[in-house]
PDB file of all heavy atoms in Angstrom:
ATOM      1  N   LEU A   1      -8.599   9.994   1.078  1.00  0.00           N
ATOM      2  CA  LEU A   1      -9.842   9.368   0.630  1.00  0.00           C
ATOM      3  C   LEU A   1     -11.011  10.236   1.065  1.00  0.00           C
ATOM      4  O   LEU A   1     -11.139  10.580   2.240  1.00  0.00           O
ATOM      5  CB  LEU A   1      -9.974   7.965   1.230  1.00  0.00           C
ATOM      6  CG  LEU A   1     -11.299   7.245   0.956  1.00  0.00           C
ATOM      7  CD1 LEU A   1     -11.413   6.863  -0.505  1.00  0.00           C
ATOM      8  CD2 LEU A   1     -11.432   6.013   1.846  1.00  0.00           C
ATOM      9  N   LEU A   2     -11.906  10.565   0.115  1.00  0.00           N
ATOM     10  CA  LEU A   2     -13.091  11.360   0.390  1.00  0.00           C
ATOM     11  C   LEU A   2     -14.330  10.480   0.313  1.00  0.00           C
ATOM     12  O   LEU A   2     -14.461   9.658  -0.610  1.00  0.00           O
ATOM     13  CB  LEU A   2     -13.220  12.498  -0.622  1.00  0.00           C
ATOM     14  CG  LEU A   2     -11.974  13.355  -0.863  1.00  0.00           C
ATOM     15  CD1 LEU A   2     -12.243  14.359  -1.973  1.00  0.00           C
ATOM     16  CD2 LEU A   2     -11.558  14.065   0.419  1.00  0.00           C
ATOM     17  N   ASP A   3     -15.229  10.642   1.257  1.00  0.00           N
ATOM     18  CA  ASP A   3     -16.499   9.924   1.203  1.00  0.00           C
ATOM     19  C   ASP A   3     -17.453  10.757   0.360  1.00  0.00           C
ATOM     20  O   ASP A   3     -18.046  11.720   0.821  1.00  0.00           O
ATOM     21  CB  ASP A   3     -17.059   9.714   2.609  1.00  0.00           C
ATOM     22  CG  ASP A   3     -18.330   8.869   2.581  1.00  0.00           C
ATOM     23  OD1 ASP A   3     -18.626   8.275   1.527  1.00  0.00           O
ATOM     24  OD2 ASP A   3     -19.023   8.805   3.612  1.00  0.00           O
ATOM     25  N   GLY A   4     -17.573  10.399  -0.897  1.00  0.00           N
ATOM     26  CA  GLY A   4     -18.415  11.155  -1.820  1.00  0.00           C
ATOM     27  C   GLY A   4     -18.078  10.799  -3.263  1.00  0.00           C
ATOM     28  O   GLY A   4     -17.342   9.848  -3.520  1.00  0.00           O
ATOM     29  N   GLY A   5     -18.598  11.589  -4.176  1.00  0.00           N
ATOM     30  CA  GLY A   5     -18.391  11.317  -5.589  1.00  0.00           C
ATOM     31  C   GLY A   5     -17.575  12.376  -6.285  1.00  0.00           C
ATOM     32  O   GLY A   5     -16.713  13.030  -5.682  1.00  0.00           O
ATOM     33  N   ARG A   6     -17.880  12.572  -7.578  1.00  0.00           N
ATOM     34  CA  ARG A   6     -17.088  13.502  -8.388  1.00  0.00           C
ATOM     35  C   ARG A   6     -17.203  14.936  -7.885  1.00  0.00           C
ATOM     36  O   ARG A   6     -16.240  15.708  -7.971  1.00  0.00           O
ATOM     37  CB  ARG A   6     -17.544  13.429  -9.847  1.00  0.00           C
ATOM     38  CG  ARG A   6     -17.180  12.131 -10.555  1.00  0.00           C
ATOM     39  CD  ARG A   6     -17.376  12.292 -12.060  1.00  0.00           C
ATOM     40  NE  ARG A   6     -17.087  11.061 -12.768  1.00  0.00           N
ATOM     41  CZ  ARG A   6     -18.007  10.162 -13.109  1.00  0.00           C
ATOM     42  NH1 ARG A   6     -19.271  10.360 -12.767  1.00  0.00           N
ATOM     43  NH2 ARG A   6     -17.684   9.068 -13.771  1.00  0.00           N
ATOM     44  N   ALA A   7     -18.386  15.316  -7.360  1.00  0.00           N
ATOM     45  CA  ALA A   7     -18.566  16.690  -6.899  1.00  0.00           C
ATOM     46  C   ALA A   7     -17.642  17.002  -5.721  1.00  0.00           C
ATOM     47  O   ALA A   7     -16.992  18.053  -5.685  1.00  0.00           O
ATOM     48  CB  ALA A   7     -20.023  16.931  -6.516  1.00  0.00           C
ATOM     49  N   GLN A   8     -17.593  16.104  -4.740  1.00  0.00           N
ATOM     50  CA  GLN A   8     -16.683  16.305  -3.605  1.00  0.00           C
ATOM     51  C   GLN A   8     -15.231  16.322  -4.081  1.00  0.00           C
ATOM     52  O   GLN A   8     -14.422  17.119  -3.607  1.00  0.00           O
ATOM     53  CB  GLN A   8     -16.880  15.190  -2.577  1.00  0.00           C
ATOM     54  CG  GLN A   8     -18.119  15.343  -1.720  1.00  0.00           C
ATOM     55  CD  GLN A   8     -19.339  14.699  -2.338  1.00  0.00           C
ATOM     56  OE1 GLN A   8     -19.343  14.383  -3.529  1.00  0.00           O
ATOM     57  NE2 GLN A   8     -20.379  14.510  -1.548  1.00  0.00           N
ATOM     58  N   LEU A   9     -14.931  15.437  -5.015  1.00  0.00           N
ATOM     59  CA  LEU A   9     -13.573  15.367  -5.550  1.00  0.00           C
ATOM     60  C   LEU A   9     -13.182  16.684  -6.209  1.00  0.00           C
ATOM     61  O   LEU A   9     -12.081  17.203  -5.999  1.00  0.00           O
ATOM     62  CB  LEU A   9     -13.494  14.219  -6.558  1.00  0.00           C
ATOM     63  CG  LEU A   9     -12.129  13.632  -6.888  1.00  0.00           C
ATOM     64  CD1 LEU A   9     -11.475  13.048  -5.648  1.00  0.00           C
ATOM     65  CD2 LEU A   9     -12.278  12.557  -7.955  1.00  0.00           C
ATOM     66  N   GLY A  10     -14.105  17.264  -6.997  1.00  0.00           N
ATOM     67  CA  GLY A  10     -13.816  18.534  -7.657  1.00  0.00           C
ATOM     68  C   GLY A  10     -13.639  19.675  -6.672  1.00  0.00           C
ATOM     69  O   GLY A  10     -12.732  20.495  -6.808  1.00  0.00           O
ATOM     70  N   ALA A  11     -14.506  19.706  -5.629  1.00  0.00           N
ATOM     71  CA  ALA A  11     -14.418  20.785  -4.635  1.00  0.00           C
ATOM     72  C   ALA A  11     -13.096  20.737  -3.890  1.00  0.00           C
ATOM     73  O   ALA A  11     -12.437  21.771  -3.675  1.00  0.00           O
ATOM     74  CB  ALA A  11     -15.584  20.686  -3.661  1.00  0.00           C
ATOM     75  N   VAL A  12     -12.670  19.552  -3.494  1.00  0.00           N
ATOM     76  CA  VAL A  12     -11.413  19.414  -2.759  1.00  0.00           C
ATOM     77  C   VAL A  12     -10.225  19.688  -3.665  1.00  0.00           C
ATOM     78  O   VAL A  12      -9.244  20.318  -3.251  1.00  0.00           O
ATOM     79  CB  VAL A  12     -11.323  18.005  -2.133  1.00  0.00           C
ATOM     80  CG1 VAL A  12      -9.937  17.755  -1.556  1.00  0.00           C
ATOM     81  CG2 VAL A  12     -12.380  17.846  -1.043  1.00  0.00           C
ATOM     82  N   SER A  13     -10.287  19.265  -4.910  1.00  0.00           N
ATOM     83  CA  SER A  13      -9.193  19.522  -5.856  1.00  0.00           C
ATOM     84  C   SER A  13      -8.977  21.015  -6.024  1.00  0.00           C
ATOM     85  O   SER A  13      -7.830  21.490  -6.089  1.00  0.00           O
ATOM     86  CB  SER A  13      -9.498  18.877  -7.207  1.00  0.00           C
ATOM     87  OG  SER A  13      -9.541  17.471  -7.101  1.00  0.00           O
ATOM     88  N   ARG A  14     -10.071  21.772  -6.091  1.00  0.00           N
ATOM     89  CA  ARG A  14      -9.941  23.221  -6.251  1.00  0.00           C
ATOM     90  C   ARG A  14      -9.298  23.864  -5.030  1.00  0.00           C
ATOM     91  O   ARG A  14      -8.460  24.775  -5.163  1.00  0.00           O
ATOM     92  CB  ARG A  14     -11.320  23.833  -6.529  1.00  0.00           C
ATOM     93  CG  ARG A  14     -11.858  23.525  -7.921  1.00  0.00           C
ATOM     94  CD  ARG A  14     -13.095  24.335  -8.229  1.00  0.00           C
ATOM     95  NE  ARG A  14     -14.234  23.920  -7.432  1.00  0.00           N
ATOM     96  CZ  ARG A  14     -15.074  22.941  -7.770  1.00  0.00           C
ATOM     97  NH1 ARG A  14     -14.878  22.258  -8.900  1.00  0.00           N
ATOM     98  NH2 ARG A  14     -16.103  22.641  -7.008  1.00  0.00           N
ATOM     99  N   VAL A  15      -9.670  23.401  -3.830  1.00  0.00           N
ATOM    100  CA  VAL A  15      -9.070  23.954  -2.611  1.00  0.00           C
ATOM    101  C   VAL A  15      -7.572  23.678  -2.579  1.00  0.00           C
ATOM    102  O   VAL A  15      -6.757  24.565  -2.273  1.00  0.00           O
ATOM    103  CB  VAL A  15      -9.753  23.368  -1.357  1.00  0.00           C
ATOM    104  CG1 VAL A  15      -8.966  23.732  -0.105  1.00  0.00           C
ATOM    105  CG2 VAL A  15     -11.172  23.875  -1.241  1.00  0.00           C
ATOM    106  N   LEU A  16      -7.181  22.457  -2.879  1.00  0.00           N
ATOM    107  CA  LEU A  16      -5.761  22.108  -2.858  1.00  0.00           C
ATOM    108  C   LEU A  16      -4.987  22.907  -3.894  1.00  0.00           C
ATOM    109  O   LEU A  16      -3.842  23.324  -3.645  1.00  0.00           O
ATOM    110  CB  LEU A  16      -5.588  20.607  -3.098  1.00  0.00           C
ATOM    111  CG  LEU A  16      -6.122  19.687  -1.993  1.00  0.00           C
ATOM    112  CD1 LEU A  16      -5.961  18.223  -2.397  1.00  0.00           C
ATOM    113  CD2 LEU A  16      -5.406  19.946  -0.668  1.00  0.00           C
ATOM    114  N   ALA A  17      -5.609  23.137  -5.041  1.00  0.00           N
ATOM    115  CA  ALA A  17      -4.944  23.949  -6.070  1.00  0.00           C
ATOM    116  C   ALA A  17      -4.756  25.384  -5.586  1.00  0.00           C
ATOM    117  O   ALA A  17      -3.702  25.997  -5.811  1.00  0.00           O
ATOM    118  CB  ALA A  17      -5.757  23.916  -7.359  1.00  0.00           C
ATOM    119  N   GLU A  18      -5.760  25.928  -4.896  1.00  0.00           N
ATOM    120  CA  GLU A  18      -5.644  27.282  -4.349  1.00  0.00           C
ATOM    121  C   GLU A  18      -4.513  27.373  -3.329  1.00  0.00           C
ATOM    122  O   GLU A  18      -3.806  28.379  -3.248  1.00  0.00           O
ATOM    123  CB  GLU A  18      -6.963  27.694  -3.695  1.00  0.00           C
ATOM    124  CG  GLU A  18      -8.106  27.911  -4.665  1.00  0.00           C
ATOM    125  CD  GLU A  18      -9.416  28.147  -3.925  1.00  0.00           C
ATOM    126  OE1 GLU A  18      -9.360  28.371  -2.697  1.00  0.00           O
ATOM    127  OE2 GLU A  18     -10.478  28.085  -4.566  1.00  0.00           O
ATOM    128  N   LEU A  19      -4.363  26.298  -2.528  1.00  0.00           N
ATOM    129  CA  LEU A  19      -3.323  26.271  -1.498  1.00  0.00           C
ATOM    130  C   LEU A  19      -1.954  25.930  -2.076  1.00  0.00           C
ATOM    131  O   LEU A  19      -0.949  26.008  -1.356  1.00  0.00           O
ATOM    132  CB  LEU A  19      -3.690  25.263  -0.409  1.00  0.00           C
ATOM    133  CG  LEU A  19      -4.949  25.571   0.412  1.00  0.00           C
ATOM    134  CD1 LEU A  19      -5.281  24.409   1.344  1.00  0.00           C
ATOM    135  CD2 LEU A  19      -4.771  26.854   1.228  1.00  0.00           C
ATOM    136  N   GLY A  20      -1.909  25.539  -3.343  1.00  0.00           N
ATOM    137  CA  GLY A  20      -0.640  25.152  -3.949  1.00  0.00           C
ATOM    138  C   GLY A  20      -0.098  23.850  -3.404  1.00  0.00           C
ATOM    139  O   GLY A  20       1.119  23.661  -3.303  1.00  0.00           O
ATOM    140  N   ILE A  21      -1.010  22.918  -3.061  1.00  0.00           N
ATOM    141  CA  ILE A  21      -0.632  21.647  -2.441  1.00  0.00           C
ATOM    142  C   ILE A  21      -1.001  20.503  -3.373  1.00  0.00           C
ATOM    143  O   ILE A  21      -2.081  20.496  -3.975  1.00  0.00           O
ATOM    144  CB  ILE A  21      -1.336  21.471  -1.079  1.00  0.00           C
ATOM    145  CG1 ILE A  21      -0.800  22.486  -0.070  1.00  0.00           C
ATOM    146  CG2 ILE A  21      -1.154  20.051  -0.541  1.00  0.00           C
ATOM    147  CD1 ILE A  21      -1.527  22.478   1.243  1.00  0.00           C
ATOM    148  N   SER A  22      -0.118  19.539  -3.470  1.00  0.00           N
ATOM    149  CA  SER A  22      -0.377  18.352  -4.276  1.00  0.00           C
ATOM    150  C   SER A  22      -0.522  17.147  -3.352  1.00  0.00           C
ATOM    151  O   SER A  22       0.434  16.759  -2.673  1.00  0.00           O
ATOM    152  CB  SER A  22       0.765  18.114  -5.271  1.00  0.00           C
ATOM    153  OG  SER A  22       0.558  16.915  -5.992  1.00  0.00           O
ATOM    154  N   VAL A  23      -1.731  16.600  -3.283  1.00  0.00           N
ATOM    155  CA  VAL A  23      -2.019  15.405  -2.490  1.00  0.00           C
ATOM    156  C   VAL A  23      -2.853  14.462  -3.353  1.00  0.00           C
ATOM    157  O   VAL A  23      -3.897  14.866  -3.864  1.00  0.00           O
ATOM    158  CB  VAL A  23      -2.800  15.741  -1.199  1.00  0.00           C
ATOM    159  CG1 VAL A  23      -3.185  14.470  -0.456  1.00  0.00           C
ATOM    160  CG2 VAL A  23      -1.982  16.637  -0.300  1.00  0.00           C
ATOM    161  N   PRO A  24      -2.432  13.228  -3.558  1.00  0.00           N
ATOM    162  CA  PRO A  24      -3.248  12.283  -4.326  1.00  0.00           C
ATOM    163  C   PRO A  24      -4.615  12.094  -3.681  1.00  0.00           C
ATOM    164  O   PRO A  24      -4.723  11.918  -2.463  1.00  0.00           O
ATOM    165  CB  PRO A  24      -2.424  10.991  -4.286  1.00  0.00           C
ATOM    166  CG  PRO A  24      -1.017  11.432  -4.043  1.00  0.00           C
ATOM    167  CD  PRO A  24      -1.133  12.633  -3.155  1.00  0.00           C
ATOM    168  N   LEU A  25      -5.665  12.128  -4.522  1.00  0.00           N
ATOM    169  CA  LEU A  25      -7.036  12.022  -4.038  1.00  0.00           C
ATOM    170  C   LEU A  25      -7.738  10.825  -4.659  1.00  0.00           C
ATOM    171  O   LEU A  25      -7.478  10.458  -5.807  1.00  0.00           O
ATOM    172  CB  LEU A  25      -7.835  13.285  -4.406  1.00  0.00           C
ATOM    173  CG  LEU A  25      -7.372  14.627  -3.848  1.00  0.00           C
ATOM    174  CD1 LEU A  25      -8.225  15.744  -4.433  1.00  0.00           C
ATOM    175  CD2 LEU A  25      -7.444  14.637  -2.335  1.00  0.00           C
TER     176      LEU A  25
END
């Protein structure tokens, strides 16, 4: 769970994609 909106969600999604990790957000 992220405290924020779509922008935080997009930033974290990109990091996880770079790391090759799948975590529900």
